Amino acid sequence: MQLTFHEPFMQEALKEAQKAFIQKEIPVGAVVVLNHQIIGHGHNQTESKQSTLFHAELVALRQASRRMHNWRLSNCELYVTLEPCTMCAGAIMLSRIRRLIYATPDPKAGAVQSTIAVLDNPALNHRVEVIQNILSKESSDLLKSFFKQLRQKKFC
């Protein structure tokens, strides 16, 4: 029931991650959804833009905010293929995202549940509902394939 509802949007986030993979970026993708419509999408572009500010989540949030003419995305959901880092979790909180849905945990840098629970800080005034493990295998396989190729120096 819940899985089938979220899968189409996570598949769109995975398409964004594939774009990153093709561009030799860590394959993470994200989409922002409002009323069952995608209003923002993004994929990692840190290497191509030479900036840490181009994580998939930030790109998608920025596009959604521009489209809505508002930085508050209170009624929106964010789908992302990898558990967000501390920077992105902070942006999710500040954007007032209603629900975060992510595919696979990031045991090294995940800041939602893996290494730190940024979104669960009781001192903060906004709560984000979190759903995890939606199309986790697909996301994990893409990441593993990317890093395997990187180790084998198939990327220049």
C-alpha atoms as a PDB file:
ATOM      1  CA  MET A   1       0.000   0.000   0.000  1.00  0.00           C
ATOM      2  CA  GLN A   2       2.474   2.686   1.123  1.00  0.00           C
ATOM      3  CA  LEU A   3       5.258   1.245  -1.021  1.00  0.00           C
ATOM      4  CA  THR A   4       3.274   1.271  -4.234  1.00  0.00           C
ATOM      5  CA  PHE A   5       2.275   4.901  -3.678  1.00  0.00           C
ATOM      6  CA  HIS A   6       5.869   6.051  -3.160  1.00  0.00           C
ATOM      7  CA  GLU A   7       7.598   3.924  -5.801  1.00  0.00           C
ATOM      8  CA  PRO A   8       6.767   6.049  -8.886  1.00  0.00           C
ATOM      9  CA  PHE A   9       8.267   9.154  -7.290  1.00  0.00           C
ATOM     10  CA  MET A  10      11.316   7.252  -6.077  1.00  0.00           C
ATOM     11  CA  GLN A  11      11.735   5.909  -9.620  1.00  0.00           C
ATOM     12  CA  GLU A  12      11.892   9.527 -10.795  1.00  0.00           C
ATOM     13  CA  ALA A  13      14.556  10.224  -8.188  1.00  0.00           C
ATOM     14  CA  LEU A  14      16.444   7.161  -9.459  1.00  0.00           C
ATOM     15  CA  LYS A  15      16.299   8.607 -12.991  1.00  0.00           C
ATOM     16  CA  GLU A  16      17.987  11.709 -11.608  1.00  0.00           C
ATOM     17  CA  ALA A  17      20.606   9.509  -9.925  1.00  0.00           C
ATOM     18  CA  GLN A  18      21.273   7.847 -13.292  1.00  0.00           C
ATOM     19  CA  LYS A  19      21.952  11.301 -14.771  1.00  0.00           C
ATOM     20  CA  ALA A  20      24.541  11.879 -12.059  1.00  0.00           C
ATOM     21  CA  PHE A  21      26.095   8.465 -12.756  1.00  0.00           C
ATOM     22  CA  ILE A  22      26.430   9.287 -16.466  1.00  0.00           C
ATOM     23  CA  GLN A  23      28.073  12.597 -15.541  1.00  0.00           C
ATOM     24  CA  LYS A  24      30.540  10.756 -13.258  1.00  0.00           C
ATOM     25  CA  GLU A  25      28.954  12.246 -10.148  1.00  0.00           C
ATOM     26  CA  ILE A  26      28.002  10.194  -7.094  1.00  0.00           C
ATOM     27  CA  PRO A  27      24.612   8.862  -8.235  1.00  0.00           C
ATOM     28  CA  VAL A  28      22.120  10.520  -5.943  1.00  0.00           C
ATOM     29  CA  GLY A  29      18.845  11.935  -7.211  1.00  0.00           C
ATOM     30  CA  ALA A  30      15.968  13.807  -5.648  1.00  0.00           C
ATOM     31  CA  VAL A  31      12.495  15.073  -6.490  1.00  0.00           C
ATOM     32  CA  VAL A  32      10.147  17.398  -4.614  1.00  0.00           C
ATOM     33  CA  VAL A  33       6.465  16.520  -4.835  1.00  0.00           C
ATOM     34  CA  LEU A  34       3.426  18.690  -4.135  1.00  0.00           C
ATOM     35  CA  ASN A  35      -0.092  17.318  -4.593  1.00  0.00           C
ATOM     36  CA  HIS A  36       1.214  14.284  -6.495  1.00  0.00           C
ATOM     37  CA  GLN A  37       3.126  16.482  -8.960  1.00  0.00           C
ATOM     38  CA  ILE A  38       6.902  16.859  -9.220  1.00  0.00           C
ATOM     39  CA  ILE A  39       7.812  20.515  -8.750  1.00  0.00           C
ATOM     40  CA  GLY A  40      11.568  20.141  -8.369  1.00  0.00           C
ATOM     41  CA  HIS A  41      14.196  17.638  -9.379  1.00  0.00           C
ATOM     42  CA  GLY A  42      17.936  17.375  -9.043  1.00  0.00           C
ATOM     43  CA  HIS A  43      20.968  15.165  -9.060  1.00  0.00           C
ATOM     44  CA  ASN A  44      24.446  15.526  -7.628  1.00  0.00           C
ATOM     45  CA  GLN A  45      26.565  18.067  -9.495  1.00  0.00           C
ATOM     46  CA  THR A  46      29.322  18.760  -6.980  1.00  0.00           C
ATOM     47  CA  GLU A  47      32.132  17.768  -9.339  1.00  0.00           C
ATOM     48  CA  SER A  48      30.821  19.519 -12.438  1.00  0.00           C
ATOM     49  CA  LYS A  49      29.957  22.704 -10.518  1.00  0.00           C
ATOM     50  CA  GLN A  50      32.963  22.382  -8.173  1.00  0.00           C
ATOM     51  CA  SER A  51      30.791  23.245  -5.198  1.00  0.00           C
ATOM     52  CA  THR A  52      29.496  21.311  -2.206  1.00  0.00           C
ATOM     53  CA  LEU A  53      26.230  23.219  -2.588  1.00  0.00           C
ATOM     54  CA  PHE A  54      25.090  21.095  -5.522  1.00  0.00           C
ATOM     55  CA  HIS A  55      23.863  17.996  -3.684  1.00  0.00           C
ATOM     56  CA  ALA A  56      20.785  16.481  -5.321  1.00  0.00           C
ATOM     57  CA  GLU A  57      18.503  17.538  -2.468  1.00  0.00           C
ATOM     58  CA  LEU A  58      19.616  21.167  -2.571  1.00  0.00           C
ATOM     59  CA  VAL A  59      19.201  21.359  -6.339  1.00  0.00           C
ATOM     60  CA  ALA A  60      15.666  19.924  -6.099  1.00  0.00           C
ATOM     61  CA  LEU A  61      14.701  22.162  -3.156  1.00  0.00           C
ATOM     62  CA  ARG A  62      15.972  25.244  -4.952  1.00  0.00           C
ATOM     63  CA  GLN A  63      14.018  24.420  -8.099  1.00  0.00           C
ATOM     64  CA  ALA A  64      10.843  23.769  -6.103  1.00  0.00           C
ATOM     65  CA  SER A  65      11.227  27.019  -4.155  1.00  0.00           C
ATOM     66  CA  ARG A  66      11.663  28.991  -7.361  1.00  0.00           C
ATOM     67  CA  ARG A  67       8.628  27.351  -8.897  1.00  0.00           C
ATOM     68  CA  MET A  68       6.525  28.059  -5.783  1.00  0.00           C
ATOM     69  CA  HIS A  69       7.989  31.568  -5.306  1.00  0.00           C
ATOM     70  CA  ASN A  70       8.446  30.590  -1.676  1.00  0.00           C
ATOM     71  CA  TRP A  71      11.252  29.048   0.359  1.00  0.00           C
ATOM     72  CA  ARG A  72       8.699  27.363   2.609  1.00  0.00           C
ATOM     73  CA  LEU A  73       7.768  24.001   1.112  1.00  0.00           C
ATOM     74  CA  SER A  74       5.426  23.053   3.946  1.00  0.00           C
ATOM     75  CA  ASN A  75       3.102  20.752   2.036  1.00  0.00           C
ATOM     76  CA  CYS A  76       5.821  19.073  -0.003  1.00  0.00           C
ATOM     77  CA  GLU A  77       7.525  15.713   0.116  1.00  0.00           C
ATOM     78  CA  LEU A  78      11.140  15.088  -0.816  1.00  0.00           C
ATOM     79  CA  TYR A  79      12.167  11.786  -2.384  1.00  0.00           C
ATOM     80  CA  VAL A  80      15.887  11.091  -2.393  1.00  0.00           C
ATOM     81  CA  THR A  81      17.844   7.974  -3.305  1.00  0.00           C
ATOM     82  CA  LEU A  82      20.316   8.195  -0.408  1.00  0.00           C
ATOM     83  CA  GLU A  83      19.883   9.267   3.204  1.00  0.00           C
ATOM     84  CA  PRO A  84      20.681  12.990   3.338  1.00  0.00           C
ATOM     85  CA  CYS A  85      23.880  14.374   4.877  1.00  0.00           C
ATOM     86  CA  THR A  86      23.928  16.970   7.659  1.00  0.00           C
ATOM     87  CA  MET A  87      23.855  19.919   5.244  1.00  0.00           C
ATOM     88  CA  CYS A  88      20.907  18.533   3.310  1.00  0.00           C
ATOM     89  CA  ALA A  89      19.019  17.474   6.445  1.00  0.00           C
ATOM     90  CA  GLY A  90      19.370  21.057   7.686  1.00  0.00           C
ATOM     91  CA  ALA A  91      18.027  22.402   4.396  1.00  0.00           C
ATOM     92  CA  ILE A  92      15.117  19.957   4.551  1.00  0.00           C
ATOM     93  CA  MET A  93      14.277  21.182   8.045  1.00  0.00           C
ATOM     94  CA  LEU A  94      14.600  24.852   7.125  1.00  0.00           C
ATOM     95  CA  SER A  95      12.499  24.370   3.981  1.00  0.00           C
ATOM     96  CA  ARG A  96       9.706  22.974   6.158  1.00  0.00           C
ATOM     97  CA  ILE A  97       9.417  19.808   4.078  1.00  0.00           C
ATOM     98  CA  ARG A  98       6.487  17.756   5.390  1.00  0.00           C
ATOM     99  CA  ARG A  99       7.826  14.301   4.587  1.00  0.00           C
ATOM    100  CA  LEU A 100      11.209  12.866   3.582  1.00  0.00           C
ATOM    101  CA  ILE A 101      11.233   9.563   1.745  1.00  0.00           C
ATOM    102  CA  TYR A 102      14.623   8.045   1.042  1.00  0.00           C
ATOM    103  CA  ALA A 103      15.753   4.833  -0.586  1.00  0.00           C
ATOM    104  CA  THR A 104      18.832   3.627   1.228  1.00  0.00           C
ATOM    105  CA  PRO A 105      20.734   4.574   4.388  1.00  0.00           C
ATOM    106  CA  ASP A 106      24.177   6.148   4.309  1.00  0.00           C
ATOM    107  CA  PRO A 107      26.099   4.550   7.190  1.00  0.00           C
ATOM    108  CA  LYS A 108      29.043   6.953   6.814  1.00  0.00           C
ATOM    109  CA  ALA A 109      27.388  10.340   6.371  1.00  0.00           C
ATOM    110  CA  GLY A 110      23.626   9.888   6.766  1.00  0.00           C
ATOM    111  CA  ALA A 111      22.262  12.540   9.097  1.00  0.00           C
ATOM    112  CA  VAL A 112      18.651  11.424   9.371  1.00  0.00           C
ATOM    113  CA  GLN A 113      19.108   8.155  11.232  1.00  0.00           C
ATOM    114  CA  SER A 114      22.510   6.577  10.515  1.00  0.00           C
ATOM    115  CA  THR A 115      25.130   8.805  12.158  1.00  0.00           C
ATOM    116  CA  ILE A 116      23.054  11.625  13.645  1.00  0.00           C
ATOM    117  CA  ALA A 117      19.332  12.393  13.773  1.00  0.00           C
ATOM    118  CA  VAL A 118      19.213  16.020  12.653  1.00  0.00           C
ATOM    119  CA  LEU A 119      15.486  15.932  11.924  1.00  0.00           C
ATOM    120  CA  ASP A 120      14.655  14.571  15.383  1.00  0.00           C
ATOM    121  CA  ASN A 121      16.259  17.378  17.376  1.00  0.00           C
ATOM    122  CA  PRO A 122      13.668  18.403  19.989  1.00  0.00           C
ATOM    123  CA  ALA A 123      15.082  21.939  20.102  1.00  0.00           C
ATOM    124  CA  LEU A 124      13.918  22.566  16.527  1.00  0.00           C
ATOM    125  CA  ASN A 125      10.411  23.815  15.826  1.00  0.00           C
ATOM    126  CA  HIS A 126       9.619  21.720  12.745  1.00  0.00           C
ATOM    127  CA  ARG A 127       9.051  17.976  12.476  1.00  0.00           C
ATOM    128  CA  VAL A 128       9.656  15.995   9.301  1.00  0.00           C
ATOM    129  CA  GLU A 129       8.024  12.629   8.837  1.00  0.00           C
ATOM    130  CA  VAL A 130      10.590  10.116   7.557  1.00  0.00           C
ATOM    131  CA  ILE A 131       9.999   7.007   5.459  1.00  0.00           C
ATOM    132  CA  GLN A 132      12.969   4.885   4.433  1.00  0.00           C
ATOM    133  CA  ASN A 133      13.848   1.844   2.314  1.00  0.00           C
ATOM    134  CA  ILE A 134      11.724   2.663  -0.728  1.00  0.00           C
ATOM    135  CA  LEU A 135      13.468   1.008  -3.718  1.00  0.00           C
ATOM    136  CA  SER A 136      16.505   0.582  -1.506  1.00  0.00           C
ATOM    137  CA  LYS A 137      18.043  -2.226  -3.560  1.00  0.00           C
ATOM    138  CA  GLU A 138      17.904  -0.243  -6.802  1.00  0.00           C
ATOM    139  CA  SER A 139      19.551   2.763  -5.211  1.00  0.00           C
ATOM    140  CA  SER A 140      22.153   0.694  -3.380  1.00  0.00           C
ATOM    141  CA  ASP A 141      23.015  -1.259  -6.551  1.00  0.00           C
ATOM    142  CA  LEU A 142      23.538   1.964  -8.506  1.00  0.00           C
ATOM    143  CA  LEU A 143      25.834   3.380  -5.814  1.00  0.00           C
ATOM    144  CA  LYS A 144      27.810   0.125  -5.581  1.00  0.00           C
ATOM    145  CA  SER A 145      28.220   0.024  -9.357  1.00  0.00           C
ATOM    146  CA  PHE A 146      29.479   3.607  -9.396  1.00  0.00           C
ATOM    147  CA  PHE A 147      32.081   3.061  -6.684  1.00  0.00           C
ATOM    148  CA  LYS A 148      33.169  -0.242  -8.213  1.00  0.00           C
ATOM    149  CA  GLN A 149      33.837   1.509 -11.527  1.00  0.00           C
ATOM    150  CA  LEU A 150      35.594   4.323  -9.707  1.00  0.00           C
ATOM    151  CA  ARG A 151      37.901   1.849  -7.940  1.00  0.00           C
ATOM    152  CA  GLN A 152      38.594   0.109 -11.251  1.00  0.00           C
ATOM    153  CA  LYS A 153      39.423   3.532 -12.706  1.00  0.00           C
ATOM    154  CA  LYS A 154      36.836   3.239 -15.444  1.00  0.00           C
ATOM    155  CA  PHE A 155      36.109   6.910 -14.879  1.00  0.00           C
ATOM    156  CA  CYS A 156      38.742   9.430 -15.878  1.00  0.00           C
END
